[in-house]
Every structure is written in structure tokens, then in C-alpha cells.
């Protein structure tokens, strides 16, 4: 399986593990809200040309494994996904407006990774001088 993607200017393998929570970590991501959130995240990711490889929605947080393109920094991806889903969910589920001043907390967790470890990359770079 080829983990890399090719464009006309780059070969890349950009992966992020992203996590974020509703405001006050309220346990509101259940039932119809959870189902709609999944659909909205997949819809927006498709429009951004990113791939959601794995998605789990817990009652009080969202986990995503995202494959991105080189032009998007993680904060852009998170901002787009949170903004898009917040606007639509708050319109479709008015109880969210009455329970929360905004749907999502401002913070998020991001970890980047590829198919090799940090130690392997450091050793490869260090060993270049000796070649």
C-alpha cells in the first residue's frame, strides 16, 4: 500500500490525529447530533480535498485521523471543520444554542505522524553528513 500522495508539485504523506471538545466539555454529541456531525465532517473534508481515515465521536469529544494536502496547516483544517459543523448543527438543533454560547471550545489537540518514527528521521538526517 502506497502511503504517499502525488501532486504536480509534491510527493507527501501528511497525517494528523485531531481531537476537540464541545464548550465546557458538555456531553451533547449523541443521537441525531452525533449522526449529523459525522455526515457534516465527511462532507466538509471532501470539499477541502482531505480524507478522514478514521472518525469517532464520543459524547464529549471528537477524534479524527486526517490525511491532508500540503497547503493546509492543522489549525486551518480544525477551524474549517469546527466552524462549518457549528453553524449547521446550531441551526438544525436549537437546543444547542440554549445550552452553549458556542458549540466548540477554542482549543484542540493535534499530533502529526507518518509511517516512520521520530528516531528514524533524526538518525537519517544525522547520517547524511557522513554519506
Protein backbone atom coordinates (compact mmCIF):
# COMPACT_ATOMS: atom_id res chain seq x y z
CA UNK A 1 0.00 0.00 0.00
CA UNK A 2 1.42 3.38 -1.00
CA UNK A 3 1.09 5.89 1.82
CA UNK A 4 2.29 8.81 -0.27
CA UNK A 5 0.20 11.07 -2.44
CA UNK A 6 1.48 12.87 -5.51
CA UNK A 7 0.51 16.23 -6.91
CA UNK A 8 2.09 18.19 -9.76
CA UNK A 9 4.47 19.87 -7.26
CA UNK A 10 4.98 17.49 -4.35
CA UNK A 11 5.03 13.98 -3.00
CA UNK A 12 3.64 13.93 0.51
CA UNK A 13 2.30 11.91 3.42
CA UNK A 14 0.65 14.33 5.85
CA UNK A 15 -1.40 12.81 8.64
CA UNK A 16 -2.94 14.38 11.73
CA UNK A 17 -4.67 12.99 14.78
CA UNK A 18 -7.10 15.74 15.79
CA UNK A 19 -9.24 15.99 18.91
CA UNK A 20 -11.58 18.73 20.08
CA UNK A 21 -14.43 19.14 22.55
CA UNK A 22 -17.73 20.96 22.86
CA UNK A 23 -17.67 24.08 25.02
CA UNK A 24 -17.43 23.14 28.72
CA UNK A 25 -16.89 19.54 27.59
CA UNK A 26 -20.65 19.02 27.62
CA UNK A 27 -21.82 15.53 26.66
CA UNK A 28 -24.02 16.62 23.77
CA UNK A 29 -22.58 14.67 20.83
CA UNK A 30 -25.12 11.86 20.99
CA UNK A 31 -28.05 10.54 18.98
CA UNK A 32 -29.11 12.64 15.99
CA UNK A 33 -26.45 15.27 16.72
CA UNK A 34 -23.71 12.63 16.54
CA UNK A 35 -25.06 11.23 13.26
CA UNK A 36 -25.40 14.65 11.68
CA UNK A 37 -21.93 15.69 12.88
CA UNK A 38 -20.37 12.65 11.17
CA UNK A 39 -22.09 13.50 7.90
CA UNK A 40 -21.05 17.16 8.11
CA UNK A 41 -17.42 16.34 8.88
CA UNK A 42 -17.18 13.97 5.91
CA UNK A 43 -18.92 16.50 3.66
CA UNK A 44 -16.59 19.37 4.60
CA UNK A 45 -13.48 17.19 4.39
CA UNK A 46 -14.45 16.23 0.86
CA UNK A 47 -14.85 19.89 -0.10
CA UNK A 48 -11.39 20.63 1.36
CA UNK A 49 -9.84 17.69 -0.52
CA UNK A 50 -8.74 16.00 2.70
CA UNK A 51 -9.51 12.43 3.73
CA UNK A 52 -10.92 11.38 7.07
CA UNK A 53 -9.42 7.91 7.51
CA UNK A 54 -10.94 7.34 10.94
CA UNK A 55 -13.65 9.18 12.85
CA UNK A 56 -15.04 8.56 16.32
CA UNK A 57 -17.46 10.83 18.09
CA UNK A 58 -17.65 10.46 21.84
CA UNK A 59 -20.36 12.26 23.85
CA UNK A 60 -17.87 14.96 24.88
CA UNK A 61 -15.17 14.99 22.18
CA UNK A 62 -14.31 14.21 18.56
CA UNK A 63 -11.37 12.09 17.30
CA UNK A 64 -10.22 12.32 13.68
CA UNK A 65 -7.38 10.73 11.72
CA UNK A 66 -6.98 13.03 8.73
CA UNK A 67 -4.82 12.77 5.61
CA UNK A 68 -4.18 16.30 4.39
CA UNK A 69 -2.68 18.16 1.46
CA UNK A 70 0.45 20.30 1.90
CA UNK A 71 -1.25 23.69 1.64
CA UNK A 72 -3.37 23.27 4.79
CA UNK A 73 -1.89 23.78 8.24
CA UNK A 74 -3.66 21.86 11.02
CA UNK A 75 -5.24 24.99 12.52
CA UNK A 76 -6.90 25.71 9.17
CA UNK A 77 -8.35 22.20 8.96
CA UNK A 78 -9.66 22.30 12.52
CA UNK A 79 -11.06 25.81 12.04
CA UNK A 80 -12.87 24.83 8.86
CA UNK A 81 -14.34 21.65 10.35
CA UNK A 82 -15.36 23.26 13.64
CA UNK A 83 -16.80 26.39 12.01
CA UNK A 84 -18.78 24.52 9.38
CA UNK A 85 -20.24 21.98 11.80
CA UNK A 86 -21.02 24.56 14.48
CA UNK A 87 -23.02 26.79 12.17
CA UNK A 88 -25.14 23.99 10.75
CA UNK A 89 -25.64 22.00 13.95
CA UNK A 90 -26.70 25.06 15.93
CA UNK A 91 -29.25 25.94 13.23
CA UNK A 92 -30.61 22.40 12.96
CA UNK A 93 -30.63 21.70 16.72
CA UNK A 94 -31.84 24.86 18.51
CA UNK A 95 -31.31 23.27 21.95
CA UNK A 96 -27.56 23.64 21.33
CA UNK A 97 -27.97 27.43 21.21
CA UNK A 98 -29.76 27.50 24.53
CA UNK A 99 -27.22 25.24 26.30
CA UNK A 100 -23.98 26.71 24.96
CA UNK A 101 -22.74 30.18 23.94
CA UNK A 102 -20.82 28.46 21.12
CA UNK A 103 -20.62 24.80 20.16
CA UNK A 104 -16.88 24.11 20.30
CA UNK A 105 -14.17 25.05 22.77
CA UNK A 106 -11.38 27.18 21.31
CA UNK A 107 -8.69 24.57 21.87
CA UNK A 108 -7.82 21.35 20.07
CA UNK A 109 -5.18 18.63 20.12
CA UNK A 110 -3.08 17.84 17.08
CA UNK A 111 -0.39 15.23 16.56
CA UNK A 112 1.31 14.72 13.22
CA UNK A 113 2.78 11.42 12.15
CA UNK A 114 3.97 9.45 9.18
CA UNK A 115 4.96 5.86 8.63
CA UNK A 116 8.38 6.11 10.28
CA UNK A 117 9.35 7.07 13.80
CA UNK A 118 10.92 10.31 15.02
CA UNK A 119 14.12 8.44 15.92
CA UNK A 120 14.48 7.07 12.38
CA UNK A 121 14.10 10.57 10.89
CA UNK A 122 16.67 12.05 13.30
CA UNK A 123 19.15 9.27 12.52
CA UNK A 124 18.60 9.66 8.75
CA UNK A 125 19.27 13.42 8.92
CA UNK A 126 22.30 12.96 11.17
CA UNK A 127 23.77 10.29 8.89
CA UNK A 128 23.51 12.49 5.76
CA UNK A 129 26.74 14.31 6.63
CA UNK A 130 28.64 11.02 6.61
CA UNK A 131 27.47 9.96 3.13
